[in-house]
Protein backbone atom coordinates (compact mmCIF):
# COMPACT_ATOMS: atom_id res chain seq x y z
CA UNK A 1 116.29 58.23 129.63
CA UNK A 2 116.07 54.68 128.32
CA UNK A 3 119.47 55.00 126.66
CA UNK A 4 121.10 55.96 129.99
CA UNK A 5 119.41 53.07 131.78
CA UNK A 6 120.57 50.54 129.15
CA UNK A 7 124.15 51.86 129.33
CA UNK A 8 124.15 51.82 133.12
CA UNK A 9 122.94 48.25 133.16
CA UNK A 10 125.44 47.14 130.48
CA UNK A 11 128.48 48.68 132.20
CA UNK A 12 127.44 47.19 135.58
CA UNK A 13 127.28 43.73 133.93
CA UNK A 14 130.79 44.04 132.44
CA UNK A 15 133.48 42.63 134.78
CA UNK A 16 136.03 45.44 135.13
CA UNK A 17 138.98 43.06 135.86
CA UNK A 18 138.23 40.98 132.77
CA UNK A 19 137.93 44.10 130.62
CA UNK A 20 141.29 45.31 131.92
CA UNK A 21 142.93 41.97 131.27
CA UNK A 22 141.64 41.73 127.67
CA UNK A 23 142.38 45.36 127.01
CA UNK A 24 146.03 44.87 128.01
CA UNK A 25 146.24 41.89 125.69
CA UNK A 26 145.03 43.90 122.63
CA UNK A 27 141.34 43.03 122.44
CA UNK A 28 140.02 46.15 120.68
CA UNK A 29 136.30 46.01 121.67
CA UNK A 30 137.25 45.36 125.31
CA UNK A 31 139.81 48.15 125.19
CA UNK A 32 137.10 50.53 123.92
CA UNK A 33 134.72 49.53 126.71
CA UNK A 34 137.46 49.71 129.36
CA UNK A 35 138.25 53.35 128.48
CA UNK A 36 134.76 54.21 129.77
CA UNK A 37 134.33 51.51 132.47
CA UNK A 38 137.60 52.50 134.13
CA UNK A 39 135.99 55.75 135.38
CA UNK A 40 133.95 53.61 137.76
CA UNK A 41 131.77 55.64 140.11
CA UNK A 42 132.07 58.72 137.93
CA UNK A 43 130.47 56.79 135.05
CA UNK A 44 127.62 55.64 137.26
CA UNK A 45 127.03 59.14 138.59
CA UNK A 46 126.93 60.62 135.09
CA UNK A 47 124.43 58.01 133.85
CA UNK A 48 122.21 58.40 136.95
CA UNK A 49 122.15 62.20 136.59
CA UNK A 50 121.35 61.85 132.89
CA UNK A 51 118.56 59.37 133.67
CA UNK A 52 116.98 61.61 136.32
CA UNK A 53 117.11 64.78 134.19
CA UNK A 54 115.90 62.98 131.05
CA UNK A 55 113.05 61.34 133.01
CA UNK A 56 111.94 64.66 134.49
CA UNK A 57 112.00 66.37 131.13
CA UNK A 58 110.24 63.45 129.49
CA UNK A 59 107.42 63.43 132.00
CA UNK A 60 106.97 67.18 131.88
CA UNK A 61 106.82 67.07 128.11
CA UNK A 62 104.30 64.21 128.09
CA UNK A 63 101.94 65.87 130.59
CA UNK A 64 101.98 69.13 128.59
CA UNK A 65 101.44 67.56 125.15
CA UNK A 66 99.08 64.69 125.89
CA UNK A 67 95.70 64.47 127.59
CA UNK A 68 95.66 63.62 131.32
CA UNK A 69 94.81 59.89 131.28
CA UNK A 70 96.77 59.12 128.14
CA UNK A 71 99.84 60.87 129.54
CA UNK A 72 99.40 58.98 132.82
CA UNK A 73 99.33 55.60 130.99
CA UNK A 74 102.36 56.46 128.91
CA UNK A 75 104.33 57.55 131.97
CA UNK A 76 103.36 54.37 133.83
CA UNK A 77 104.49 52.31 130.87
CA UNK A 78 107.83 54.15 130.68
CA UNK A 79 108.38 53.74 134.41
CA UNK A 80 107.73 50.01 134.15
CA UNK A 81 109.95 49.70 131.07
CA UNK A 82 112.83 51.82 132.29
CA UNK A 83 112.95 51.14 136.04
CA UNK A 84 111.51 47.62 136.40
CA UNK A 85 111.85 45.59 133.22
CA UNK A 86 115.15 46.83 131.81
CA UNK A 87 117.16 46.54 135.08
CA UNK A 88 115.88 43.02 135.73
CA UNK A 89 116.26 41.75 132.14
CA UNK A 90 119.21 39.61 130.96
CA UNK A 91 122.24 41.36 129.45
CA UNK A 92 121.87 41.63 125.66
CA UNK A 93 124.27 41.95 122.75
CA UNK A 94 122.33 45.09 121.74
CA UNK A 95 123.34 46.83 124.99
CA UNK A 96 126.97 45.80 124.43
CA UNK A 97 127.03 47.09 120.88
CA UNK A 98 125.38 50.28 122.01
CA UNK A 99 128.02 50.75 124.71
CA UNK A 100 130.85 50.22 122.18
CA UNK A 101 129.22 52.64 119.67
CA UNK A 102 128.84 55.37 122.32
CA UNK A 103 132.15 54.71 124.14
CA UNK A 104 134.12 57.50 122.41
CA UNK A 105 131.69 60.39 123.09
CA UNK A 106 131.06 59.06 126.62
CA UNK A 107 134.81 58.83 127.35
CA UNK A 108 135.32 62.39 125.97
CA UNK A 109 132.60 63.71 128.27
CA UNK A 110 133.91 61.87 131.28
CA UNK A 111 137.43 63.14 130.65
CA UNK A 112 136.23 66.70 131.32
CA UNK A 113 133.56 66.06 133.96
CA UNK A 114 135.38 63.34 135.95
CA UNK A 115 136.67 65.65 138.77
CA UNK A 116 133.16 67.00 139.50
CA UNK A 117 131.47 63.62 139.12
CA UNK A 118 134.02 61.98 141.42
CA UNK A 119 133.24 64.48 144.18
CA UNK A 120 129.51 63.94 143.74
CA UNK A 121 129.98 60.17 143.87
CA UNK A 122 131.97 60.52 147.15
CA UNK A 123 129.17 62.62 148.65
CA UNK A 124 126.53 59.99 147.86
CA UNK A 125 128.86 57.21 148.91
CA UNK A 126 129.42 58.80 152.31
CA UNK A 127 125.65 58.81 152.92
CA UNK A 128 125.32 55.10 152.14
CA UNK A 129 126.74 51.97 153.71
CA UNK A 130 130.47 51.80 153.01
CA UNK A 131 130.52 48.14 152.19
CA UNK A 132 128.09 45.62 150.85
CA UNK A 133 127.91 42.09 152.18
CA UNK A 134 129.86 39.52 150.16
CA UNK A 135 127.08 36.97 150.50
CA UNK A 136 129.55 34.48 152.04
CA UNK A 137 128.78 33.37 155.57
CA UNK A 138 130.76 30.14 156.04
CA UNK A 139 133.13 27.75 154.26
CA UNK A 140 130.24 26.03 152.49
CA UNK A 141 129.48 29.24 150.62
CA UNK A 142 133.12 29.48 149.49
CA UNK A 143 133.07 25.86 148.35
CA UNK A 144 129.90 26.47 146.34
CA UNK A 145 131.52 29.57 144.79
CA UNK A 146 134.53 27.53 143.69
CA UNK A 147 132.26 24.89 142.22
CA UNK A 148 130.58 27.61 140.13
CA UNK A 149 134.02 28.86 139.08
CA UNK A 150 134.82 25.45 137.56
CA UNK A 151 131.94 25.85 135.13
CA UNK A 152 132.56 29.54 134.53
CA UNK A 153 133.23 30.24 130.80
CA UNK A 154 136.70 31.73 130.26
CA UNK A 155 137.93 30.82 133.76
CA UNK A 156 141.75 30.91 133.92
CA UNK A 157 142.01 29.25 137.33
CA UNK A 158 143.19 25.63 136.85
CA UNK A 159 140.69 23.05 138.09
CA UNK A 160 143.38 21.42 140.24
CA UNK A 161 143.85 24.69 142.18
CA UNK A 162 140.10 24.98 142.76
CA UNK A 163 140.02 21.33 143.94
CA UNK A 164 142.87 22.05 146.35
CA UNK A 165 141.12 25.10 147.76
CA UNK A 166 137.90 23.11 148.24
CA UNK A 167 139.81 20.28 149.92
CA UNK A 168 141.53 22.70 152.31
CA UNK A 169 138.19 24.21 153.31
CA UNK A 170 136.84 20.68 153.99
CA UNK A 171 140.01 19.59 155.76
CA UNK A 172 138.97 20.36 159.32
CA UNK A 173 135.65 18.56 158.94
CA UNK A 174 137.19 15.21 158.12
CA UNK A 175 138.34 12.62 160.64
CA UNK A 176 141.23 10.17 160.71
CA UNK A 177 138.72 7.36 160.15
CA UNK A 178 137.88 8.90 156.76
CA UNK A 179 141.40 8.55 155.33
CA UNK A 180 143.22 5.86 157.34
CA UNK A 181 144.68 2.77 155.74
CA UNK A 182 142.83 -0.13 157.39
CA UNK A 183 144.84 -2.64 159.37
CA UNK A 184 143.91 -5.40 156.86
CA UNK A 185 145.66 -3.42 154.09
CA UNK A 186 148.70 -2.35 156.07
CA UNK A 187 151.89 -4.34 155.38
CA UNK A 188 153.84 -4.57 158.61
CA UNK A 189 157.32 -6.04 159.20
CA UNK A 190 158.62 -8.28 161.97
CA UNK A 191 161.52 -6.88 164.00
CA UNK A 192 163.22 -10.28 163.64
CA UNK A 193 163.28 -10.17 159.81
CA UNK A 194 166.65 -9.75 158.12
CA UNK A 195 167.53 -7.29 155.35
CA UNK A 196 167.73 -8.96 151.96
CA UNK A 197 166.93 -8.18 148.29
CA UNK A 198 163.87 -10.41 148.65
CA UNK A 199 162.50 -8.33 151.57
CA UNK A 200 163.22 -5.06 149.76
CA UNK A 201 161.48 -6.24 146.60
CA UNK A 202 158.52 -7.55 148.65
CA UNK A 203 158.14 -4.23 150.52
CA UNK A 204 158.66 -2.15 147.38
CA UNK A 205 155.72 -3.87 145.68
CA UNK A 206 153.34 -2.77 148.43
CA UNK A 207 153.65 0.89 147.41
CA UNK A 208 154.24 1.94 151.00
CA UNK A 209 157.20 4.08 152.09
CA UNK A 210 156.93 3.41 155.83
CA UNK A 211 156.10 0.18 157.64
CA UNK A 212 155.04 -0.50 161.24
CA UNK A 213 157.47 -2.89 162.90
CA UNK A 214 156.03 -5.40 165.33
CA UNK A 215 157.55 -7.78 167.81
CA UNK A 216 156.07 -11.17 168.77
CA UNK A 217 152.53 -10.22 167.69
CA UNK A 218 151.22 -7.65 165.18
CA UNK A 219 149.46 -5.61 167.85
CA UNK A 220 152.78 -4.92 169.52
CA UNK A 221 154.18 -2.06 167.44
CA UNK A 222 157.77 -1.25 168.43
CA UNK A 223 159.04 1.00 165.64
CA UNK A 224 158.82 2.24 162.08
CA UNK A 225 160.84 1.03 159.12
CA UNK A 226 161.60 3.48 156.31
CA UNK A 227 162.19 1.70 153.02
CA UNK A 228 164.98 4.18 152.25
CA UNK A 229 166.79 3.02 155.41
CA UNK A 230 166.33 -0.60 154.36
CA UNK A 231 167.82 0.09 150.93
CA UNK A 232 170.81 1.84 152.49
CA UNK A 233 171.49 -1.24 154.66
CA UNK A 234 170.74 -3.84 151.97
CA UNK A 235 174.37 -4.91 151.65
CA UNK A 236 174.68 -5.76 155.29
CA UNK A 237 172.93 -8.76 156.77
CA UNK A 238 171.23 -7.50 159.94
CA UNK A 239 167.82 -7.62 161.49
CA UNK A 240 165.09 -5.03 160.93
CA UNK A 241 165.24 -4.27 164.65
CA UNK A 242 168.70 -2.75 164.22
CA UNK A 243 167.79 -0.33 161.42
CA UNK A 244 164.20 0.59 162.33
CA UNK A 245 163.39 3.91 163.97
CA UNK A 246 162.11 3.32 167.46
CA UNK A 247 159.70 6.26 167.57
CA UNK A 248 156.06 5.17 167.60
CA UNK A 249 153.21 7.71 167.63
CA UNK A 250 149.48 7.13 167.96
CA UNK A 251 146.30 9.01 167.02
CA UNK A 252 142.66 8.24 167.71
CA UNK A 253 140.33 7.44 164.81
CA UNK A 254 138.02 10.32 165.77
CA UNK A 255 140.73 13.03 165.65
CA UNK A 256 140.07 15.60 162.97
CA UNK A 257 142.71 16.09 160.20
CA UNK A 258 143.78 19.52 161.45
CA UNK A 259 144.76 17.94 164.77
CA UNK A 260 146.63 15.17 162.99
CA UNK A 261 148.38 17.62 160.67
CA UNK A 262 149.58 19.55 163.70
CA UNK A 263 150.87 16.29 165.19
CA UNK A 264 152.88 15.58 162.06
CA UNK A 265 154.42 19.02 162.20
CA UNK A 266 155.22 18.69 165.88
CA UNK A 267 156.78 15.20 165.78
CA UNK A 268 158.34 15.33 162.28
CA UNK A 269 157.20 11.73 161.94
CA UNK A 270 155.75 10.29 158.73
CA UNK A 271 153.50 7.55 160.07
CA UNK A 272 150.97 7.38 162.94
CA UNK A 273 149.38 4.27 164.32
CA UNK A 274 145.60 4.65 164.55
CA UNK A 275 143.83 3.20 167.59
CA UNK A 276 140.21 3.11 168.69
CA UNK A 277 138.83 3.93 172.13
CA UNK A 278 139.82 0.43 173.32
CA UNK A 279 143.46 1.12 172.34
CA UNK A 280 143.26 -1.47 169.58
CA UNK A 281 145.40 -1.06 166.46
CA UNK A 282 142.99 -0.46 163.54
CA UNK A 283 145.16 1.09 160.85
CA UNK A 284 147.73 3.75 159.98
CA UNK A 285 147.72 7.27 158.64
CA UNK A 286 150.68 8.79 156.74
CA UNK A 287 151.72 12.25 155.71
CA UNK A 288 150.95 11.18 152.13
CA UNK A 289 147.34 10.61 153.13
CA UNK A 290 147.07 14.18 154.35
CA UNK A 291 148.76 15.62 151.27
CA UNK A 292 146.32 13.72 149.05
CA UNK A 293 143.44 15.20 150.99
CA UNK A 294 144.86 18.70 150.48
CA UNK A 295 145.39 18.18 146.75
CA UNK A 296 141.99 16.62 146.29
CA UNK A 297 143.19 14.43 143.44
CA UNK A 298 146.33 12.96 141.93
CA UNK A 299 148.45 15.38 139.92
CA UNK A 300 149.30 14.27 136.44
CA UNK A 301 152.60 15.74 135.21
CA UNK A 302 154.11 15.31 131.76
CA UNK A 303 157.52 15.44 133.43
CA UNK A 304 158.33 12.57 135.77
CA UNK A 305 162.13 12.20 135.55
CA UNK A 306 163.02 13.92 138.81
CA UNK A 307 166.01 11.64 139.47
CA UNK A 308 167.88 12.98 136.44
CA UNK A 309 169.61 16.30 137.37
CA UNK A 310 170.32 17.14 133.73
CA UNK A 311 166.73 16.52 132.67
CA UNK A 312 165.43 18.67 135.52
CA UNK A 313 167.78 21.52 134.68
CA UNK A 314 166.84 21.53 131.00
CA UNK A 315 163.08 21.14 131.49
CA UNK A 316 161.07 24.20 130.41
CA UNK A 317 157.73 24.82 132.08
CA UNK A 318 154.92 26.81 130.54
CA UNK A 319 154.58 30.19 132.20
CA UNK A 320 151.07 30.73 133.63
CA UNK A 321 149.03 33.70 132.54
CA UNK A 322 148.66 36.17 135.42
CA UNK A 323 146.04 38.88 135.78
CA UNK A 324 147.83 41.95 137.10
CA UNK A 325 146.39 44.02 139.90
CA UNK A 326 145.43 47.63 139.11
CA UNK A 327 148.49 49.88 138.64
CA UNK A 328 149.35 53.19 137.04
CA UNK A 329 149.60 51.27 133.76
CA UNK A 330 145.81 51.30 133.61
CA UNK A 331 146.02 54.96 132.59
CA UNK A 332 147.99 53.92 129.51
CA UNK A 333 145.14 51.60 128.48
CA UNK A 334 142.59 54.37 128.92
CA UNK A 335 144.69 56.81 126.90
């Protein structure tokens, strides 16, 4: 009885996907455990039947061989040990070693009884709720789950991907005011300025790719200057007004980021002027701002020579490890 309870607890604590992954990569103990764990509901049904029959026989034997009160106390102790303490105790290495040691005879037995056990498990499953609740009710629960995953031993999900997923879930809760570049930090350009190497160098040092263009006063935004357009026209002496793009788009500081992202997609523009409720210019928001919010952090890459076609073509990336979904190949692992 106790042996069946320990095995049932041990196999329930073993993550089937992780067992399959390690079994396919040649981990012998995991492969041994997976041969049994792969039977799923049939394994559980076998262990439950064994527990019930063993418990019934054990209690009948105790009541017939021991005096009334002594038998009662022993049965109470066994009930507490087997059905209360063991299921709630922490997984132990003893249970794992026991499962490995008994894996071969258990797999042999399941190989012959699996068809019957599978039918029994379907009968009991049909009488119970078909699905259990995931325990996730809103995006905050998913974010918390991803935070746990970061500290999970053996996690093969890169931290940057978890950060991106968390950022996406938080995306709709943030406002333009949370990510805008304040007006005091925005470098704007006068429409009357002329293209020159000095202007290009000055704008390049700001780190911006797009610049609001004003006329007469800085509140009067009349266009957007792309630094790429300025570089293309550097050899010709003309005013910024002639090469700027005359489209100007505005967003309110209290718009959420989903609304702004939709605006970027609709207008195909890279820079929006941010205004407050009094229509005053208070800053800008760019497509780069939104991308940074989605990524959650800056990406560090050992390769940064994207301008060199030969270097890009010859660069070899490390292939990520992928956990395959269940296929017919699982039977090969079991066999």
